[in-house]
């Protein structure tokens, strides 16, 4: 039970999962056809509107990324979405960066 008033529209869910991401090939297109998801990160939390993940290298704020999260079980479908980076912060305890992103659109597999 929470001892505070939740002010967010969507509650964050703690997650610790691998995530693949890349820059969309066609920035004018709302749906990525073949984005190379060549970078890896660790997903830390997820909500109905966005997510936060840890990357090794800095990511540009306001950039668009295509992300894919494949769960370790077959019960949950993979999450494949286009997101907009809204926050990038150097980790306090670590060498990476915390990236906050808002989901712009869901992508088909």
PDB file of N, CA and C in Angstrom:
ATOM      1  N   UNK A   1       0.829  -1.181   0.000  1.00  0.00           N
ATOM      2  CA  UNK A   1       0.000   0.000   0.000  1.00  0.00           C
ATOM      3  C   UNK A   1       0.876   1.248   0.000  1.00  0.00           C
ATOM      4  N   UNK A   2       0.505   2.231  -0.779  1.00  0.00           N
ATOM      5  CA  UNK A   2       1.269   3.470  -0.870  1.00  0.00           C
ATOM      6  C   UNK A   2       0.931   4.394   0.290  1.00  0.00           C
ATOM      7  N   UNK A   3       1.948   5.097   0.776  1.00  0.00           N
ATOM      8  CA  UNK A   3       1.762   6.085   1.834  1.00  0.00           C
ATOM      9  C   UNK A   3       1.814   7.500   1.276  1.00  0.00           C
ATOM     10  N   UNK A   4       1.546   7.639  -0.024  1.00  0.00           N
ATOM     11  CA  UNK A   4       1.577   8.953  -0.657  1.00  0.00           C
ATOM     12  C   UNK A   4       0.557   8.969  -1.784  1.00  0.00           C
ATOM     13  N   UNK A   5       0.225  10.164  -2.256  1.00  0.00           N
ATOM     14  CA  UNK A   5      -0.692  10.300  -3.384  1.00  0.00           C
ATOM     15  C   UNK A   5       0.091  10.178  -4.682  1.00  0.00           C
ATOM     16  N   UNK A   6      -0.309   9.253  -5.537  1.00  0.00           N
ATOM     17  CA  UNK A   6       0.336   9.086  -6.838  1.00  0.00           C
ATOM     18  C   UNK A   6      -0.107  10.224  -7.751  1.00  0.00           C
ATOM     19  N   UNK A   7       0.843  10.982  -8.262  1.00  0.00           N
ATOM     20  CA  UNK A   7       0.524  12.129  -9.095  1.00  0.00           C
ATOM     21  C   UNK A   7       0.692  11.825 -10.584  1.00  0.00           C
ATOM     22  N   UNK A   8       1.172  10.659 -10.912  1.00  0.00           N
ATOM     23  CA  UNK A   8       1.364  10.281 -12.306  1.00  0.00           C
ATOM     24  C   UNK A   8       0.067   9.748 -12.894  1.00  0.00           C
ATOM     25  N   UNK A   9      -0.084   9.939 -14.206  1.00  0.00           N
ATOM     26  CA  UNK A   9      -1.242   9.378 -14.901  1.00  0.00           C
ATOM     27  C   UNK A   9      -1.150   7.856 -14.970  1.00  0.00           C
ATOM     28  N   UNK A  10       0.080   7.334 -15.087  1.00  0.00           N
ATOM     29  CA  UNK A  10       0.316   5.899 -15.165  1.00  0.00           C
ATOM     30  C   UNK A  10       1.363   5.509 -14.130  1.00  0.00           C
ATOM     31  N   UNK A  11       1.102   4.457 -13.397  1.00  0.00           N
ATOM     32  CA  UNK A  11       2.032   3.979 -12.378  1.00  0.00           C
ATOM     33  C   UNK A  11       3.209   3.291 -13.055  1.00  0.00           C
ATOM     34  N   UNK A  12       4.411   3.531 -12.562  1.00  0.00           N
ATOM     35  CA  UNK A  12       5.607   2.864 -13.067  1.00  0.00           C
ATOM     36  C   UNK A  12       5.682   1.448 -12.514  1.00  0.00           C
ATOM     37  N   UNK A  13       6.126   0.540 -13.365  1.00  0.00           N
ATOM     38  CA  UNK A  13       6.344  -0.841 -12.956  1.00  0.00           C
ATOM     39  C   UNK A  13       7.842  -1.110 -13.067  1.00  0.00           C
ATOM     40  N   UNK A  14       8.448  -1.583 -11.980  1.00  0.00           N
ATOM     41  CA  UNK A  14       9.875  -1.900 -12.002  1.00  0.00           C
ATOM     42  C   UNK A  14      10.111  -3.114 -12.886  1.00  0.00           C
ATOM     43  N   UNK A  15      11.085  -2.995 -13.766  1.00  0.00           N
ATOM     44  CA  UNK A  15      11.429  -4.059 -14.703  1.00  0.00           C
ATOM     45  C   UNK A  15      12.949  -4.135 -14.749  1.00  0.00           C
ATOM     46  N   UNK A  16      13.482  -5.308 -14.964  1.00  0.00           N
ATOM     47  CA  UNK A  16      14.920  -5.459 -15.163  1.00  0.00           C
ATOM     48  C   UNK A  16      15.086  -6.409 -16.334  1.00  0.00           C
ATOM     49  N   UNK A  17      15.104  -5.842 -17.539  1.00  0.00           N
ATOM     50  CA  UNK A  17      15.077  -6.651 -18.754  1.00  0.00           C
ATOM     51  C   UNK A  17      15.967  -6.028 -19.817  1.00  0.00           C
ATOM     52  N   UNK A  18      16.493  -6.868 -20.687  1.00  0.00           N
ATOM     53  CA  UNK A  18      17.293  -6.372 -21.807  1.00  0.00           C
ATOM     54  C   UNK A  18      16.381  -5.671 -22.808  1.00  0.00           C
ATOM     55  N   UNK A  19      16.922  -4.657 -23.445  1.00  0.00           N
ATOM     56  CA  UNK A  19      16.182  -3.904 -24.454  1.00  0.00           C
ATOM     57  C   UNK A  19      17.130  -3.634 -25.620  1.00  0.00           C
ATOM     58  N   UNK A  20      16.618  -3.729 -26.833  1.00  0.00           N
ATOM     59  CA  UNK A  20      17.373  -3.370 -28.036  1.00  0.00           C
ATOM     60  C   UNK A  20      16.781  -2.082 -28.579  1.00  0.00           C
ATOM     61  N   UNK A  21      17.648  -1.218 -29.124  1.00  0.00           N
ATOM     62  CA  UNK A  21      17.126   0.025 -29.686  1.00  0.00           C
ATOM     63  C   UNK A  21      18.006   0.512 -30.820  1.00  0.00           C
ATOM     64  N   UNK A  22      17.446   1.393 -31.631  1.00  0.00           N
ATOM     65  CA  UNK A  22      18.177   1.988 -32.739  1.00  0.00           C
ATOM     66  C   UNK A  22      17.456   3.226 -33.229  1.00  0.00           C
ATOM     67  N   UNK A  23      18.128   3.970 -34.096  1.00  0.00           N
ATOM     68  CA  UNK A  23      17.554   5.182 -34.669  1.00  0.00           C
ATOM     69  C   UNK A  23      16.756   4.809 -35.913  1.00  0.00           C
ATOM     70  N   UNK A  24      15.514   5.282 -36.029  1.00  0.00           N
ATOM     71  CA  UNK A  24      14.698   4.959 -37.211  1.00  0.00           C
ATOM     72  C   UNK A  24      15.380   5.413 -38.496  1.00  0.00           C
ATOM     73  N   UNK A  25      15.258   4.592 -39.549  1.00  0.00           N
ATOM     74  CA  UNK A  25      15.863   4.912 -40.845  1.00  0.00           C
ATOM     75  C   UNK A  25      15.153   6.071 -41.522  1.00  0.00           C
ATOM     76  N   UNK A  26      13.829   6.136 -41.393  1.00  0.00           N
ATOM     77  CA  UNK A  26      13.034   7.161 -42.070  1.00  0.00           C
ATOM     78  C   UNK A  26      12.319   8.001 -41.021  1.00  0.00           C
ATOM     79  N   UNK A  27      12.837   9.180 -40.732  1.00  0.00           N
ATOM     80  CA  UNK A  27      12.280  10.022 -39.673  1.00  0.00           C
ATOM     81  C   UNK A  27      10.923  10.616 -40.041  1.00  0.00           C
ATOM     82  N   UNK A  28      10.558  10.653 -41.330  1.00  0.00           N
ATOM     83  CA  UNK A  28       9.263  11.190 -41.737  1.00  0.00           C
ATOM     84  C   UNK A  28       8.155  10.157 -41.629  1.00  0.00           C
ATOM     85  N   UNK A  29       8.528   8.897 -41.619  1.00  0.00           N
ATOM     86  CA  UNK A  29       7.551   7.817 -41.574  1.00  0.00           C
ATOM     87  C   UNK A  29       7.200   7.530 -40.120  1.00  0.00           C
ATOM     88  N   UNK A  30       5.926   7.336 -39.845  1.00  0.00           N
ATOM     89  CA  UNK A  30       5.482   7.063 -38.479  1.00  0.00           C
ATOM     90  C   UNK A  30       5.750   5.624 -38.064  1.00  0.00           C
ATOM     91  N   UNK A  31       6.000   4.760 -39.041  1.00  0.00           N
ATOM     92  CA  UNK A  31       6.234   3.350 -38.747  1.00  0.00           C
ATOM     93  C   UNK A  31       7.572   2.945 -39.344  1.00  0.00           C
ATOM     94  N   UNK A  32       8.437   2.378 -38.520  1.00  0.00           N
ATOM     95  CA  UNK A  32       9.736   1.928 -39.000  1.00  0.00           C
ATOM     96  C   UNK A  32       9.574   0.639 -39.789  1.00  0.00           C
ATOM     97  N   UNK A  33      10.169   0.598 -40.964  1.00  0.00           N
ATOM     98  CA  UNK A  33      10.101  -0.613 -41.772  1.00  0.00           C
ATOM     99  C   UNK A  33      11.194  -1.572 -41.334  1.00  0.00           C
ATOM    100  N   UNK A  34      12.423  -1.137 -41.345  1.00  0.00           N
ATOM    101  CA  UNK A  34      13.552  -1.983 -40.982  1.00  0.00           C
ATOM    102  C   UNK A  34      14.572  -1.183 -40.173  1.00  0.00           C
ATOM    103  N   UNK A  35      14.270  -0.842 -38.967  1.00  0.00           N
ATOM    104  CA  UNK A  35      15.233  -0.148 -38.123  1.00  0.00           C
ATOM    105  C   UNK A  35      16.207  -1.170 -37.564  1.00  0.00           C
ATOM    106  N   UNK A  36      17.487  -0.884 -37.689  1.00  0.00           N
ATOM    107  CA  UNK A  36      18.511  -1.757 -37.147  1.00  0.00           C
ATOM    108  C   UNK A  36      18.590  -1.515 -35.639  1.00  0.00           C
ATOM    109  N   UNK A  37      18.148  -2.486 -34.856  1.00  0.00           N
ATOM    110  CA  UNK A  37      18.169  -2.366 -33.395  1.00  0.00           C
ATOM    111  C   UNK A  37      19.512  -2.888 -32.903  1.00  0.00           C
ATOM    112  N   UNK A  38      20.558  -2.095 -33.134  1.00  0.00           N
ATOM    113  CA  UNK A  38      21.924  -2.547 -32.916  1.00  0.00           C
ATOM    114  C   UNK A  38      22.529  -2.121 -31.586  1.00  0.00           C
ATOM    115  N   UNK A  39      21.770  -1.449 -30.748  1.00  0.00           N
ATOM    116  CA  UNK A  39      22.284  -1.018 -29.450  1.00  0.00           C
ATOM    117  C   UNK A  39      21.514  -1.722 -28.339  1.00  0.00           C
ATOM    118  N   UNK A  40      22.198  -1.959 -27.236  1.00  0.00           N
ATOM    119  CA  UNK A  40      21.603  -2.681 -26.118  1.00  0.00           C
ATOM    120  C   UNK A  40      21.525  -1.782 -24.890  1.00  0.00           C
ATOM    121  N   UNK A  41      20.540  -2.044 -24.058  1.00  0.00           N
ATOM    122  CA  UNK A  41      20.349  -1.290 -22.816  1.00  0.00           C
ATOM    123  C   UNK A  41      19.642  -2.196 -21.816  1.00  0.00           C
ATOM    124  N   UNK A  42      19.454  -1.676 -20.607  1.00  0.00           N
ATOM    125  CA  UNK A  42      18.709  -2.383 -19.568  1.00  0.00           C
ATOM    126  C   UNK A  42      17.475  -1.556 -19.218  1.00  0.00           C
ATOM    127  N   UNK A  43      16.309  -2.144 -19.438  1.00  0.00           N
ATOM    128  CA  UNK A  43      15.048  -1.495 -19.086  1.00  0.00           C
ATOM    129  C   UNK A  43      14.882  -1.544 -17.574  1.00  0.00           C
ATOM    130  N   UNK A  44      14.621  -0.391 -16.951  1.00  0.00           N
ATOM    131  CA  UNK A  44      14.486  -0.326 -15.491  1.00  0.00           C
ATOM    132  C   UNK A  44      13.048  -0.142 -15.038  1.00  0.00           C
ATOM    133  N   UNK A  45      12.259   0.650 -15.771  1.00  0.00           N
ATOM    134  CA  UNK A  45      10.841   0.759 -15.427  1.00  0.00           C
ATOM    135  C   UNK A  45      10.027   1.102 -16.663  1.00  0.00           C
ATOM    136  N   UNK A  46       8.732   0.805 -16.538  1.00  0.00           N
ATOM    137  CA  UNK A  46       7.815   0.922 -17.658  1.00  0.00           C
ATOM    138  C   UNK A  46       6.480   1.407 -17.129  1.00  0.00           C
ATOM    139  N   UNK A  47       5.818   2.263 -17.903  1.00  0.00           N
ATOM    140  CA  UNK A  47       4.469   2.706 -17.540  1.00  0.00           C
ATOM    141  C   UNK A  47       3.612   2.688 -18.800  1.00  0.00           C
ATOM    142  N   UNK A  48       2.380   3.081 -18.679  1.00  0.00           N
ATOM    143  CA  UNK A  48       1.492   3.122 -19.820  1.00  0.00           C
ATOM    144  C   UNK A  48       1.864   4.187 -20.832  1.00  0.00           C
ATOM    145  N   UNK A  49       2.719   5.096 -20.445  1.00  0.00           N
ATOM    146  CA  UNK A  49       3.083   6.209 -21.322  1.00  0.00           C
ATOM    147  C   UNK A  49       4.557   6.235 -21.713  1.00  0.00           C
ATOM    148  N   UNK A  50       5.418   5.603 -20.921  1.00  0.00           N
ATOM    149  CA  UNK A  50       6.840   5.700 -21.214  1.00  0.00           C
ATOM    150  C   UNK A  50       7.674   4.656 -20.507  1.00  0.00           C
ATOM    151  N   UNK A  51       8.988   4.870 -20.548  1.00  0.00           N
ATOM    152  CA  UNK A  51       9.917   3.926 -19.957  1.00  0.00           C
ATOM    153  C   UNK A  51      11.215   4.626 -19.600  1.00  0.00           C
ATOM    154  N   UNK A  52      12.004   3.957 -18.763  1.00  0.00           N
ATOM    155  CA  UNK A  52      13.326   4.441 -18.405  1.00  0.00           C
ATOM    156  C   UNK A  52      14.289   3.282 -18.564  1.00  0.00           C
ATOM    157  N   UNK A  53      15.398   3.540 -19.251  1.00  0.00           N
ATOM    158  CA  UNK A  53      16.390   2.498 -19.454  1.00  0.00           C
ATOM    159  C   UNK A  53      17.791   3.065 -19.290  1.00  0.00           C
ATOM    160  N   UNK A  54      18.752   2.173 -19.080  1.00  0.00           N
ATOM    161  CA  UNK A  54      20.143   2.546 -18.848  1.00  0.00           C
ATOM    162  C   UNK A  54      20.958   2.191 -20.086  1.00  0.00           C
ATOM    163  N   UNK A  55      21.710   3.167 -20.594  1.00  0.00           N
ATOM    164  CA  UNK A  55      22.573   2.963 -21.759  1.00  0.00           C
ATOM    165  C   UNK A  55      24.017   3.259 -21.383  1.00  0.00           C
ATOM    166  N   UNK A  56      24.957   2.702 -22.149  1.00  0.00           N
ATOM    167  CA  UNK A  56      26.377   2.958 -21.899  1.00  0.00           C
ATOM    168  C   UNK A  56      26.800   4.321 -22.428  1.00  0.00           C
ATOM    169  N   UNK A  57      26.283   4.691 -23.609  1.00  0.00           N
ATOM    170  CA  UNK A  57      26.680   5.937 -24.262  1.00  0.00           C
ATOM    171  C   UNK A  57      25.528   6.934 -24.254  1.00  0.00           C
ATOM    172  N   UNK A  58      25.880   8.200 -24.221  1.00  0.00           N
ATOM    173  CA  UNK A  58      24.903   9.290 -24.193  1.00  0.00           C
ATOM    174  C   UNK A  58      23.956   9.209 -25.392  1.00  0.00           C
ATOM    175  N   UNK A  59      22.693   9.523 -25.170  1.00  0.00           N
ATOM    176  CA  UNK A  59      21.673   9.577 -26.215  1.00  0.00           C
ATOM    177  C   UNK A  59      21.164  11.015 -26.270  1.00  0.00           C
ATOM    178  N   UNK A  60      20.902  11.508 -27.459  1.00  0.00           N
ATOM    179  CA  UNK A  60      20.477  12.901 -27.614  1.00  0.00           C
ATOM    180  C   UNK A  60      19.023  13.097 -27.189  1.00  0.00           C
ATOM    181  N   UNK A  61      18.805  14.105 -26.343  1.00  0.00           N
ATOM    182  CA  UNK A  61      17.450  14.454 -25.916  1.00  0.00           C
ATOM    183  C   UNK A  61      16.626  14.876 -27.130  1.00  0.00           C
ATOM    184  N   UNK A  62      15.351  14.526 -27.145  1.00  0.00           N
ATOM    185  CA  UNK A  62      14.389  14.787 -28.214  1.00  0.00           C
ATOM    186  C   UNK A  62      14.583  13.897 -29.436  1.00  0.00           C
ATOM    187  N   UNK A  63      15.540  12.970 -29.392  1.00  0.00           N
ATOM    188  CA  UNK A  63      15.705  12.064 -30.529  1.00  0.00           C
ATOM    189  C   UNK A  63      14.627  10.987 -30.502  1.00  0.00           C
ATOM    190  N   UNK A  64      14.339  10.426 -31.671  1.00  0.00           N
ATOM    191  CA  UNK A  64      13.402   9.315 -31.783  1.00  0.00           C
ATOM    192  C   UNK A  64      14.197   8.019 -31.847  1.00  0.00           C
ATOM    193  N   UNK A  65      13.708   7.014 -31.137  1.00  0.00           N
ATOM    194  CA  UNK A  65      14.333   5.694 -31.132  1.00  0.00           C
ATOM    195  C   UNK A  65      13.261   4.643 -31.337  1.00  0.00           C
ATOM    196  N   UNK A  66      13.638   3.566 -31.993  1.00  0.00           N
ATOM    197  CA  UNK A  66      12.779   2.390 -32.037  1.00  0.00           C
ATOM    198  C   UNK A  66      13.337   1.424 -31.009  1.00  0.00           C
ATOM    199  N   UNK A  67      12.469   0.899 -30.149  1.00  0.00           N
ATOM    200  CA  UNK A  67      12.903   0.005 -29.080  1.00  0.00           C
ATOM    201  C   UNK A  67      12.158  -1.318 -29.189  1.00  0.00           C
ATOM    202  N   UNK A  68      12.803  -2.366 -28.673  1.00  0.00           N
ATOM    203  CA  UNK A  68      12.150  -3.671 -28.625  1.00  0.00           C
ATOM    204  C   UNK A  68      12.558  -4.363 -27.335  1.00  0.00           C
ATOM    205  N   UNK A  69      11.543  -4.794 -26.596  1.00  0.00           N
ATOM    206  CA  UNK A  69      11.751  -5.557 -25.364  1.00  0.00           C
ATOM    207  C   UNK A  69      11.139  -6.928 -25.596  1.00  0.00           C
ATOM    208  N   UNK A  70      11.958  -7.969 -25.489  1.00  0.00           N
ATOM    209  CA  UNK A  70      11.470  -9.334 -25.643  1.00  0.00           C
ATOM    210  C   UNK A  70      11.498  -9.985 -24.266  1.00  0.00           C
ATOM    211  N   UNK A  71      10.329 -10.292 -23.706  1.00  0.00           N
ATOM    212  CA  UNK A  71      10.272 -10.905 -22.372  1.00  0.00           C
ATOM    213  C   UNK A  71      10.943 -12.278 -22.357  1.00  0.00           C
ATOM    214  N   UNK A  72      11.354 -12.702 -21.188  1.00  0.00           N
ATOM    215  CA  UNK A  72      12.021 -13.999 -21.054  1.00  0.00           C
ATOM    216  C   UNK A  72      11.036 -15.161 -21.095  1.00  0.00           C
ATOM    217  N   UNK A  73       9.731 -14.875 -21.071  1.00  0.00           N
ATOM    218  CA  UNK A  73       8.732 -15.940 -21.157  1.00  0.00           C
ATOM    219  C   UNK A  73       7.832 -15.707 -22.369  1.00  0.00           C
ATOM    220  N   UNK A  74       7.088 -16.737 -22.738  1.00  0.00           N
ATOM    221  CA  UNK A  74       6.193 -16.644 -23.893  1.00  0.00           C
ATOM    222  C   UNK A  74       4.808 -16.115 -23.524  1.00  0.00           C
ATOM    223  N   UNK A  75       4.562 -15.837 -22.256  1.00  0.00           N
ATOM    224  CA  UNK A  75       3.250 -15.371 -21.814  1.00  0.00           C
ATOM    225  C   UNK A  75       2.980 -13.919 -22.200  1.00  0.00           C
ATOM    226  N   UNK A  76       4.048 -13.136 -22.310  1.00  0.00           N
ATOM    227  CA  UNK A  76       3.917 -11.712 -22.608  1.00  0.00           C
ATOM    228  C   UNK A  76       4.458 -11.425 -24.002  1.00  0.00           C
ATOM    229  N   UNK A  77       3.710 -10.649 -24.777  1.00  0.00           N
ATOM    230  CA  UNK A  77       4.160 -10.279 -26.115  1.00  0.00           C
ATOM    231  C   UNK A  77       5.322  -9.286 -26.028  1.00  0.00           C
ATOM    232  N   UNK A  78       6.211  -9.298 -27.029  1.00  0.00           N
ATOM    233  CA  UNK A  78       7.285  -8.303 -27.068  1.00  0.00           C
ATOM    234  C   UNK A  78       6.710  -6.892 -27.203  1.00  0.00           C
ATOM    235  N   UNK A  79       7.413  -5.922 -26.662  1.00  0.00           N
ATOM    236  CA  UNK A  79       7.054  -4.514 -26.805  1.00  0.00           C
ATOM    237  C   UNK A  79       7.940  -3.935 -27.898  1.00  0.00           C
ATOM    238  N   UNK A  80       7.336  -3.443 -28.962  1.00  0.00           N
ATOM    239  CA  UNK A  80       8.072  -2.839 -30.075  1.00  0.00           C
ATOM    240  C   UNK A  80       7.434  -1.477 -30.320  1.00  0.00           C
ATOM    241  N   UNK A  81       8.188  -0.415 -30.071  1.00  0.00           N
ATOM    242  CA  UNK A  81       7.595   0.921 -30.122  1.00  0.00           C
ATOM    243  C   UNK A  81       8.599   1.965 -30.599  1.00  0.00           C
ATOM    244  N   UNK A  82       8.066   3.089 -31.048  1.00  0.00           N
ATOM    245  CA  UNK A  82       8.873   4.272 -31.330  1.00  0.00           C
ATOM    246  C   UNK A  82       8.713   5.195 -30.134  1.00  0.00           C
ATOM    247  N   UNK A  83       9.840   5.674 -29.596  1.00  0.00           N
ATOM    248  CA  UNK A  83       9.813   6.535 -28.416  1.00  0.00           C
ATOM    249  C   UNK A  83      10.566   7.830 -28.696  1.00  0.00           C
ATOM    250  N   UNK A  84      10.230   8.855 -27.918  1.00  0.00           N
ATOM    251  CA  UNK A  84      10.930  10.145 -27.973  1.00  0.00           C
ATOM    252  C   UNK A  84      11.656  10.332 -26.656  1.00  0.00           C
ATOM    253  N   UNK A  85      12.949  10.586 -26.725  1.00  0.00           N
ATOM    254  CA  UNK A  85      13.772  10.778 -25.531  1.00  0.00           C
ATOM    255  C   UNK A  85      13.441  12.129 -24.914  1.00  0.00           C
ATOM    256  N   UNK A  86      13.051  12.129 -23.638  1.00  0.00           N
ATOM    257  CA  UNK A  86      12.691  13.379 -22.964  1.00  0.00           C
ATOM    258  C   UNK A  86      13.657  13.740 -21.835  1.00  0.00           C
ATOM    259  N   UNK A  87      14.484  12.762 -21.422  1.00  0.00           N
ATOM    260  CA  UNK A  87      15.417  13.033 -20.317  1.00  0.00           C
ATOM    261  C   UNK A  87      16.625  12.126 -20.451  1.00  0.00           C
ATOM    262  N   UNK A  88      17.812  12.702 -20.265  1.00  0.00           N
ATOM    263  CA  UNK A  88      19.055  11.934 -20.246  1.00  0.00           C
ATOM    264  C   UNK A  88      19.872  12.451 -19.074  1.00  0.00           C
ATOM    265  N   UNK A  89      20.225  11.557 -18.155  1.00  0.00           N
ATOM    266  CA  UNK A  89      21.011  11.943 -16.974  1.00  0.00           C
ATOM    267  C   UNK A  89      22.132  10.943 -16.752  1.00  0.00           C
ATOM    268  N   UNK A  90      23.305  11.447 -16.415  1.00  0.00           N
ATOM    269  CA  UNK A  90      24.415  10.579 -16.033  1.00  0.00           C
ATOM    270  C   UNK A  90      24.022   9.853 -14.756  1.00  0.00           C
ATOM    271  N   UNK A  91      24.305   8.552 -14.692  1.00  0.00           N
ATOM    272  CA  UNK A  91      23.998   7.789 -13.485  1.00  0.00           C
ATOM    273  C   UNK A  91      24.830   8.289 -12.312  1.00  0.00           C
ATOM    274  N   UNK A  92      24.220   8.341 -11.145  1.00  0.00           N
ATOM    275  CA  UNK A  92      24.953   8.742  -9.939  1.00  0.00           C
ATOM    276  C   UNK A  92      25.948   7.670  -9.527  1.00  0.00           C
ATOM    277  N   UNK A  93      25.519   6.426  -9.630  1.00  0.00           N
ATOM    278  CA  UNK A  93      26.367   5.295  -9.240  1.00  0.00           C
ATOM    279  C   UNK A  93      26.514   4.380 -10.441  1.00  0.00           C
ATOM    280  N   UNK A  94      27.436   4.685 -11.300  1.00  0.00           N
ATOM    281  CA  UNK A  94      27.643   3.886 -12.499  1.00  0.00           C
ATOM    282  C   UNK A  94      28.202   4.732 -13.619  1.00  0.00           C
ATOM    283  N   UNK A  95      28.550   4.063 -14.701  1.00  0.00           N
ATOM    284  CA  UNK A  95      29.168   4.747 -15.830  1.00  0.00           C
ATOM    285  C   UNK A  95      28.191   5.070 -16.952  1.00  0.00           C
ATOM    286  N   UNK A  96      26.950   4.634 -16.831  1.00  0.00           N
ATOM    287  CA  UNK A  96      25.984   4.808 -17.913  1.00  0.00           C
ATOM    288  C   UNK A  96      25.132   6.054 -17.770  1.00  0.00           C
ATOM    289  N   UNK A  97      24.076   6.081 -18.564  1.00  0.00           N
ATOM    290  CA  UNK A  97      23.131   7.193 -18.588  1.00  0.00           C
ATOM    291  C   UNK A  97      21.716   6.662 -18.414  1.00  0.00           C
ATOM    292  N   UNK A  98      20.904   7.364 -17.627  1.00  0.00           N
ATOM    293  CA  UNK A  98      19.484   7.044 -17.489  1.00  0.00           C
ATOM    294  C   UNK A  98      18.738   7.801 -18.581  1.00  0.00           C
ATOM    295  N   UNK A  99      17.963   7.075 -19.365  1.00  0.00           N
ATOM    296  CA  UNK A  99      17.211   7.676 -20.464  1.00  0.00           C
ATOM    297  C   UNK A  99      15.725   7.525 -20.184  1.00  0.00           C
ATOM    298  N   UNK A 100      15.017   8.647 -20.126  1.00  0.00           N
ATOM    299  CA  UNK A 100      13.567   8.637 -19.988  1.00  0.00           C
ATOM    300  C   UNK A 100      12.954   8.906 -21.347  1.00  0.00           C
ATOM    301  N   UNK A 101      11.969   8.098 -21.730  1.00  0.00           N
ATOM    302  CA  UNK A 101      11.375   8.240 -23.054  1.00  0.00           C
ATOM    303  C   UNK A 101       9.863   8.085 -22.987  1.00  0.00           C
ATOM    304  N   UNK A 102       9.174   8.793 -23.876  1.00  0.00           N
ATOM    305  CA  UNK A 102       7.721   8.734 -23.989  1.00  0.00           C
ATOM    306  C   UNK A 102       7.378   7.923 -25.238  1.00  0.00           C
ATOM    307  N   UNK A 103       6.434   7.000 -25.107  1.00  0.00           N
ATOM    308  CA  UNK A 103       6.019   6.176 -26.243  1.00  0.00           C
ATOM    309  C   UNK A 103       5.225   7.040 -27.221  1.00  0.00           C
ATOM    310  N   UNK A 104       5.687   7.080 -28.473  1.00  0.00           N
ATOM    311  CA  UNK A 104       5.020   7.842 -29.531  1.00  0.00           C
ATOM    312  C   UNK A 104       4.043   6.973 -30.312  1.00  0.00           C
ATOM    313  N   UNK A 105       4.464   5.742 -30.615  1.00  0.00           N
ATOM    314  CA  UNK A 105       3.595   4.821 -31.352  1.00  0.00           C
ATOM    315  C   UNK A 105       4.076   3.392 -31.159  1.00  0.00           C
ATOM    316  N   UNK A 106       3.140   2.471 -31.275  1.00  0.00           N
ATOM    317  CA  UNK A 106       3.466   1.052 -31.211  1.00  0.00           C
ATOM    318  C   UNK A 106       3.789   0.595 -32.626  1.00  0.00           C
ATOM    319  N   UNK A 107       4.783  -0.294 -32.749  1.00  0.00           N
ATOM    320  CA  UNK A 107       5.203  -0.799 -34.052  1.00  0.00           C
ATOM    321  C   UNK A 107       4.842  -2.270 -34.172  1.00  0.00           C
ATOM    322  N   UNK A 108       4.569  -2.702 -35.385  1.00  0.00           N
ATOM    323  CA  UNK A 108       4.246  -4.109 -35.631  1.00  0.00           C
ATOM    324  C   UNK A 108       5.513  -4.939 -35.662  1.00  0.00           C
ATOM    325  N   UNK A 109       5.381  -6.186 -35.281  1.00  0.00           N
ATOM    326  CA  UNK A 109       6.515  -7.119 -35.388  1.00  0.00           C
ATOM    327  C   UNK A 109       6.550  -7.745 -36.751  1.00  0.00           C
TER     328      UNK A 109
END
